[in-house]
Every structure is written in C-alpha cells, then in structure tokens.
PDB file of N, CA and C in Angstrom:
ATOM      1  N   MET A   1     109.316 120.771 104.592  1.00  0.00           N
ATOM      2  CA  MET A   1     109.472 119.436 104.045  1.00  0.00           C
ATOM      3  C   MET A   1     108.753 118.499 104.836  1.00  0.00           C
ATOM      4  N   ASN A   2     107.888 117.710 104.224  1.00  0.00           N
ATOM      5  CA  ASN A   2     106.968 116.759 105.288  1.00  0.00           C
ATOM      6  C   ASN A   2     107.942 115.559 105.397  1.00  0.00           C
ATOM      7  N   GLU A   3     108.123 115.218 106.700  1.00  0.00           N
ATOM      8  CA  GLU A   3     108.821 113.933 107.064  1.00  0.00           C
ATOM      9  C   GLU A   3     108.031 112.935 107.874  1.00  0.00           C
ATOM     10  N   ILE A   4     108.223 111.843 107.869  1.00  0.00           N
ATOM     11  CA  ILE A   4     107.507 110.783 108.529  1.00  0.00           C
ATOM     12  C   ILE A   4     108.494 110.301 109.667  1.00  0.00           C
ATOM     13  N   LEU A   5     108.317 110.207 110.868  1.00  0.00           N
ATOM     14  CA  LEU A   5     109.073 109.705 111.831  1.00  0.00           C
ATOM     15  C   LEU A   5     108.674 108.256 112.262  1.00  0.00           C
ATOM     16  N   VAL A   6     109.580 107.349 112.398  1.00  0.00           N
ATOM     17  CA  VAL A   6     109.200 105.971 112.839  1.00  0.00           C
ATOM     18  C   VAL A   6     110.104 105.720 113.926  1.00  0.00           C
ATOM     19  N   GLU A   7     109.560 105.465 114.959  1.00  0.00           N
ATOM     20  CA  GLU A   7     110.399 105.081 116.168  1.00  0.00           C
ATOM     21  C   GLU A   7     110.470 103.588 116.362  1.00  0.00           C
ATOM     22  N   GLU A   8     111.629 102.733 116.439  1.00  0.00           N
ATOM     23  CA  GLU A   8     111.980 101.508 116.725  1.00  0.00           C
ATOM     24  C   GLU A   8     112.671 101.296 117.675  1.00  0.00           C
ATOM     25  N   GLU A   9     112.244 100.753 118.489  1.00  0.00           N
ATOM     26  CA  GLU A   9     113.207 100.632 119.935  1.00  0.00           C
ATOM     27  C   GLU A   9     113.865 101.858 120.394  1.00  0.00           C
ATOM     28  N   ASN A  10     115.178 101.948 119.997  1.00  0.00           N
ATOM     29  CA  ASN A  10     115.802 103.100 120.556  1.00  0.00           C
ATOM     30  C   ASN A  10     116.385 103.766 119.230  1.00  0.00           C
ATOM     31  N   THR A  11     115.791 103.729 118.186  1.00  0.00           N
ATOM     32  CA  THR A  11     116.121 104.349 116.944  1.00  0.00           C
ATOM     33  C   THR A  11     115.067 104.893 116.260  1.00  0.00           C
ATOM     34  N   VAL A  12     115.396 105.969 115.696  1.00  0.00           N
ATOM     35  CA  VAL A  12     114.357 106.913 115.091  1.00  0.00           C
ATOM     36  C   VAL A  12     114.739 106.897 113.610  1.00  0.00           C
ATOM     37  N   TYR A  13     113.781 106.500 112.525  1.00  0.00           N
ATOM     38  CA  TYR A  13     113.886 106.732 110.987  1.00  0.00           C
ATOM     39  C   TYR A  13     113.206 107.605 110.586  1.00  0.00           C
ATOM     40  N   GLU A  14     113.637 108.313 109.529  1.00  0.00           N
ATOM     41  CA  GLU A  14     112.974 109.297 108.980  1.00  0.00           C
ATOM     42  C   GLU A  14     112.827 108.825 107.588  1.00  0.00           C
ATOM     43  N   LEU A  15     111.525 109.041 107.228  1.00  0.00           N
ATOM     44  CA  LEU A  15     110.955 108.494 105.781  1.00  0.00           C
ATOM     45  C   LEU A  15     110.826 109.516 105.055  1.00  0.00           C
ATOM     46  N   ASP A  16     111.026 109.609 103.839  1.00  0.00           N
ATOM     47  CA  ASP A  16     110.721 110.850 102.688  1.00  0.00           C
ATOM     48  C   ASP A  16     109.441 110.303 102.147  1.00  0.00           C
ATOM     49  N   PRO A  17     108.527 111.256 102.389  1.00  0.00           N
ATOM     50  CA  PRO A  17     107.233 111.023 101.375  1.00  0.00           C
ATOM     51  C   PRO A  17     107.369 110.967  99.930  1.00  0.00           C
ATOM     52  N   GLU A  18     108.344 111.581  99.519  1.00  0.00           N
ATOM     53  CA  GLU A  18     108.588 111.441  97.890  1.00  0.00           C
ATOM     54  C   GLU A  18     109.066 110.084  97.524  1.00  0.00           C
ATOM     55  N   CYS A  19     109.788 109.643  98.402  1.00  0.00           N
ATOM     56  CA  CYS A  19     110.575 108.326  98.122  1.00  0.00           C
ATOM     57  C   CYS A  19     109.279 107.256  98.215  1.00  0.00           C
ATOM     58  N   LEU A  20     108.437 107.498  99.259  1.00  0.00           N
ATOM     59  CA  LEU A  20     107.369 106.493  99.450  1.00  0.00           C
ATOM     60  C   LEU A  20     106.381 106.402  98.111  1.00  0.00           C
ATOM     61  N   ARG A  21     106.046 107.800  98.068  1.00  0.00           N
ATOM     62  CA  ARG A  21     105.159 107.904  96.653  1.00  0.00           C
ATOM     63  C   ARG A  21     105.764 107.216  95.546  1.00  0.00           C
ATOM     64  N   HIS A  22     107.027 107.295  95.440  1.00  0.00           N
ATOM     65  CA  HIS A  22     107.498 106.588  94.031  1.00  0.00           C
ATOM     66  C   HIS A  22     107.764 105.305  94.329  1.00  0.00           C
ATOM     67  N   LYS A  23     108.038 104.594  95.425  1.00  0.00           N
ATOM     68  CA  LYS A  23     107.948 103.131  95.712  1.00  0.00           C
ATOM     69  C   LYS A  23     106.604 102.716  95.179  1.00  0.00           C
ATOM     70  N   GLU A  24     105.562 103.413  95.788  1.00  0.00           N
ATOM     71  CA  GLU A  24     104.027 102.888  95.657  1.00  0.00           C
ATOM     72  C   GLU A  24     103.873 103.060  94.009  1.00  0.00           C
ATOM     73  N   GLU A  25     104.097 104.097  93.186  1.00  0.00           N
ATOM     74  CA  GLU A  25     103.827 104.171  92.009  1.00  0.00           C
ATOM     75  C   GLU A  25     104.618 102.797  91.189  1.00  0.00           C
ATOM     76  N   GLN A  26     105.863 102.651  91.547  1.00  0.00           N
ATOM     77  CA  GLN A  26     106.696 101.511  91.068  1.00  0.00           C
ATOM     78  C   GLN A  26     105.764 100.199  91.418  1.00  0.00           C
ATOM     79  N   ARG A  27     105.557 100.091  92.567  1.00  0.00           N
ATOM     80  CA  ARG A  27     104.487  98.839  92.834  1.00  0.00           C
ATOM     81  C   ARG A  27     103.304  98.738  91.841  1.00  0.00           C
ATOM     82  N   GLN A  28     102.669  99.870  91.731  1.00  0.00           N
ATOM     83  CA  GLN A  28     101.469  99.814  90.948  1.00  0.00           C
ATOM     84  C   GLN A  28     101.707  99.532  89.428  1.00  0.00           C
ATOM     85  N   LEU A  29     102.909 100.086  89.221  1.00  0.00           N
ATOM     86  CA  LEU A  29     103.243  99.813  87.733  1.00  0.00           C
ATOM     87  C   LEU A  29     103.523  98.325  87.541  1.00  0.00           C
ATOM     88  N   GLU A  30     104.400  97.692  88.385  1.00  0.00           N
ATOM     89  CA  GLU A  30     104.719  96.350  88.287  1.00  0.00           C
ATOM     90  C   GLU A  30     103.495  95.693  88.334  1.00  0.00           C
ATOM     91  N   GLU A  31     102.499  95.693  89.253  1.00  0.00           N
ATOM     92  CA  GLU A  31     101.266  95.161  89.374  1.00  0.00           C
ATOM     93  C   GLU A  31     100.457  95.223  87.862  1.00  0.00           C
ATOM     94  N   LYS A  32     100.334  96.278  87.651  1.00  0.00           N
ATOM     95  CA  LYS A  32      99.760  96.413  85.916  1.00  0.00           C
ATOM     96  C   LYS A  32     100.432  95.643  84.953  1.00  0.00           C
ATOM     97  N   ARG A  33     101.635  95.673  84.763  1.00  0.00           N
ATOM     98  CA  ARG A  33     102.689  94.894  84.041  1.00  0.00           C
ATOM     99  C   ARG A  33     102.211  93.497  84.093  1.00  0.00           C
ATOM    100  N   LYS A  34     102.191  92.871  85.178  1.00  0.00           N
ATOM    101  CA  LYS A  34     101.939  91.665  85.763  1.00  0.00           C
ATOM    102  C   LYS A  34     100.610  91.193  85.143  1.00  0.00           C
ATOM    103  N   GLN A  35      99.646  91.930  85.415  1.00  0.00           N
ATOM    104  CA  GLN A  35      98.258  91.843  85.089  1.00  0.00           C
ATOM    105  C   GLN A  35      98.045  91.766  83.635  1.00  0.00           C
ATOM    106  N   GLU A  36      98.734  92.630  82.835  1.00  0.00           N
ATOM    107  CA  GLU A  36      98.625  92.582  81.333  1.00  0.00           C
ATOM    108  C   GLU A  36      99.305  91.491  80.962  1.00  0.00           C
ATOM    109  N   LYS A  37     100.295  90.843  81.388  1.00  0.00           N
ATOM    110  CA  LYS A  37     101.201  89.830  80.866  1.00  0.00           C
ATOM    111  C   LYS A  37     100.310  88.533  81.054  1.00  0.00           C
ATOM    112  N   GLN A  38      99.445  88.391  82.234  1.00  0.00           N
ATOM    113  CA  GLN A  38      98.512  87.236  82.392  1.00  0.00           C
ATOM    114  C   GLN A  38      97.533  87.448  81.560  1.00  0.00           C
ATOM    115  N   GLU A  39      96.966  88.457  81.096  1.00  0.00           N
ATOM    116  CA  GLU A  39      95.729  88.682  80.163  1.00  0.00           C
ATOM    117  C   GLU A  39      96.278  88.243  78.851  1.00  0.00           C
ATOM    118  N   ASN A  40      97.504  88.646  78.431  1.00  0.00           N
ATOM    119  CA  ASN A  40      98.255  88.180  77.055  1.00  0.00           C
ATOM    120  C   ASN A  40      98.369  86.699  77.051  1.00  0.00           C
ATOM    121  N   ASP A  41      98.708  86.054  78.170  1.00  0.00           N
ATOM    122  CA  ASP A  41      98.927  84.706  78.246  1.00  0.00           C
ATOM    123  C   ASP A  41      97.808  83.900  77.946  1.00  0.00           C
ATOM    124  N   ASN A  42      96.545  84.415  78.758  1.00  0.00           N
ATOM    125  CA  ASN A  42      95.255  83.994  78.742  1.00  0.00           C
ATOM    126  C   ASN A  42      94.737  84.051  76.962  1.00  0.00           C
ATOM    127  N   TYR A  43      95.013  85.180  76.495  1.00  0.00           N
ATOM    128  CA  TYR A  43      94.530  85.293  75.081  1.00  0.00           C
ATOM    129  C   TYR A  43      95.360  84.368  74.200  1.00  0.00           C
ATOM    130  N   ARG A  44      96.714  84.141  74.473  1.00  0.00           N
ATOM    131  CA  ARG A  44      97.297  83.159  73.662  1.00  0.00           C
ATOM    132  C   ARG A  44      96.886  81.934  73.801  1.00  0.00           C
ATOM    133  N   MET A  45      96.539  81.481  75.006  1.00  0.00           N
ATOM    134  CA  MET A  45      96.270  80.109  75.395  1.00  0.00           C
ATOM    135  C   MET A  45      94.725  79.823  74.718  1.00  0.00           C
ATOM    136  N   GLN A  46      94.036  80.823  74.648  1.00  0.00           N
ATOM    137  CA  GLN A  46      92.513  80.707  73.689  1.00  0.00           C
ATOM    138  C   GLN A  46      92.837  80.551  72.436  1.00  0.00           C
ATOM    139  N   LYS A  47      93.804  81.030  71.694  1.00  0.00           N
ATOM    140  CA  LYS A  47      94.018  81.007  70.339  1.00  0.00           C
ATOM    141  C   LYS A  47      94.415  79.802  69.780  1.00  0.00           C
ATOM    142  N   ARG A  48      95.128  78.901  70.605  1.00  0.00           N
ATOM    143  CA  ARG A  48      95.826  77.848  70.129  1.00  0.00           C
ATOM    144  C   ARG A  48      95.046  76.796  69.406  1.00  0.00           C
ATOM    145  N   PRO A  49      93.893  76.510  70.198  1.00  0.00           N
ATOM    146  CA  PRO A  49      93.035  75.466  69.571  1.00  0.00           C
ATOM    147  C   PRO A  49      92.563  75.885  68.256  1.00  0.00           C
ATOM    148  N   GLU A  50      92.277  77.038  67.854  1.00  0.00           N
ATOM    149  CA  GLU A  50      91.688  77.386  66.540  1.00  0.00           C
ATOM    150  C   GLU A  50      92.726  77.157  65.477  1.00  0.00           C
ATOM    151  N   LYS A  51      94.106  77.531  65.828  1.00  0.00           N
ATOM    152  CA  LYS A  51      95.274  77.225  64.776  1.00  0.00           C
ATOM    153  C   LYS A  51      95.289  75.841  64.568  1.00  0.00           C
ATOM    154  N   ARG A  52      95.165  74.982  65.587  1.00  0.00           N
ATOM    155  CA  ARG A  52      95.220  73.395  65.455  1.00  0.00           C
ATOM    156  C   ARG A  52      93.907  73.115  64.449  1.00  0.00           C
ATOM    157  N   ASN A  53      92.794  73.619  64.641  1.00  0.00           N
ATOM    158  CA  ASN A  53      91.787  73.259  63.941  1.00  0.00           C
ATOM    159  C   ASN A  53      91.995  73.808  62.227  1.00  0.00           C
ATOM    160  N   GLN A  54      92.509  74.954  62.080  1.00  0.00           N
ATOM    161  CA  GLN A  54      92.774  75.311  60.767  1.00  0.00           C
ATOM    162  C   GLN A  54      93.831  74.314  60.237  1.00  0.00           C
ATOM    163  N   ASN A  55      94.707  73.941  60.739  1.00  0.00           N
ATOM    164  CA  ASN A  55      95.761  72.925  60.260  1.00  0.00           C
ATOM    165  C   ASN A  55      94.764  71.489  59.849  1.00  0.00           C
ATOM    166  N   ASN A  56      93.889  71.232  60.764  1.00  0.00           N
ATOM    167  CA  ASN A  56      93.401  70.046  60.316  1.00  0.00           C
ATOM    168  C   ASN A  56      92.383  70.236  59.164  1.00  0.00           C
ATOM    169  N   MET A  57      91.950  71.423  58.855  1.00  0.00           N
ATOM    170  CA  MET A  57      91.201  71.743  57.548  1.00  0.00           C
ATOM    171  C   MET A  57      92.013  71.610  56.422  1.00  0.00           C
ATOM    172  N   TRP A  58      93.255  72.016  56.379  1.00  0.00           N
ATOM    173  CA  TRP A  58      94.337  71.901  55.433  1.00  0.00           C
ATOM    174  C   TRP A  58      94.296  70.462  54.938  1.00  0.00           C
ATOM    175  N   ILE A  59      94.589  69.461  56.089  1.00  0.00           N
ATOM    176  CA  ILE A  59      94.684  68.096  55.820  1.00  0.00           C
ATOM    177  C   ILE A  59      93.465  67.525  55.115  1.00  0.00           C
ATOM    178  N   ILE A  60      92.369  67.988  55.603  1.00  0.00           N
ATOM    179  CA  ILE A  60      91.227  67.311  54.979  1.00  0.00           C
ATOM    180  C   ILE A  60      91.006  67.844  53.549  1.00  0.00           C
ATOM    181  N   CYS A  61      91.371  69.048  53.174  1.00  0.00           N
ATOM    182  CA  CYS A  61      91.410  69.586  51.749  1.00  0.00           C
ATOM    183  C   CYS A  61      92.270  68.846  51.083  1.00  0.00           C
ATOM    184  N   LEU A  62      93.702  68.549  51.462  1.00  0.00           N
ATOM    185  CA  LEU A  62      94.571  67.835  50.662  1.00  0.00           C
ATOM    186  C   LEU A  62      94.146  66.442  50.556  1.00  0.00           C
ATOM    187  N   LEU A  63      93.569  65.792  51.381  1.00  0.00           N
ATOM    188  CA  LEU A  63      93.195  64.449  51.097  1.00  0.00           C
ATOM    189  C   LEU A  63      91.878  64.223  50.233  1.00  0.00           C
ATOM    190  N   LEU A  64      91.043  65.146  49.919  1.00  0.00           N
ATOM    191  CA  LEU A  64      89.845  65.545  49.190  1.00  0.00           C
ATOM    192  C   LEU A  64      90.341  65.585  47.664  1.00  0.00           C
ATOM    193  N   LEU A  65      91.354  66.232  47.626  1.00  0.00           N
ATOM    194  CA  LEU A  65      92.068  66.476  46.517  1.00  0.00           C
ATOM    195  C   LEU A  65      92.834  65.287  45.810  1.00  0.00           C
ATOM    196  N   VAL A  66      93.407  64.508  46.782  1.00  0.00           N
ATOM    197  CA  VAL A  66      94.091  63.250  46.245  1.00  0.00           C
ATOM    198  C   VAL A  66      92.875  62.264  46.142  1.00  0.00           C
ATOM    199  N   ILE A  67      91.879  62.364  46.761  1.00  0.00           N
ATOM    200  CA  ILE A  67      90.941  61.200  46.467  1.00  0.00           C
ATOM    201  C   ILE A  67      90.125  61.564  45.171  1.00  0.00           C
ATOM    202  N   CYS A  68      89.804  62.803  45.152  1.00  0.00           N
ATOM    203  CA  CYS A  68      89.092  63.234  43.672  1.00  0.00           C
ATOM    204  C   CYS A  68      89.907  63.178  42.322  1.00  0.00           C
ATOM    205  N   GLN A  69      91.136  62.878  42.458  1.00  0.00           N
ATOM    206  CA  GLN A  69      92.008  62.727  41.045  1.00  0.00           C
ATOM    207  C   GLN A  69      91.982  61.444  40.784  1.00  0.00           C
TER     208      GLN A  69
END
C-alpha cells in the first residue's frame, strides 16, 4: 500500500492516496457541474430577448387585425 506521510511539528499524518484521488475527482466533477450551470444560465439569458420580440409581433398582428376590420 502506498502511503503519504506528512509531518507537522511533532505529529505525523498518513494520507491515503485513494482518498486523495477520490477527493480530486469530486472536485473536478463539481467544477464541471458549475461550468455547465454557468453555460446553461448564459444560454437562457441570450434567449429571453427573442421571446419578448415574439410577443411584440403578436401584439402588432392583433392591432393590424383590429384596424383592418
């Protein structure tokens, strides 16, 4: 078994490489999720003005219908 020993003052700590690897994987996964969430938020923010423009088109069409009658 590979071990990592860390000395701090008069105490020695044993670090498990498997645990360190797992912790690093969790950190990377969390980072990836955070980045995906940010990309999704940016995508949603870009889409909102188009929806507003679409609503304006419906209002214009309704006004034209009312005026033409």
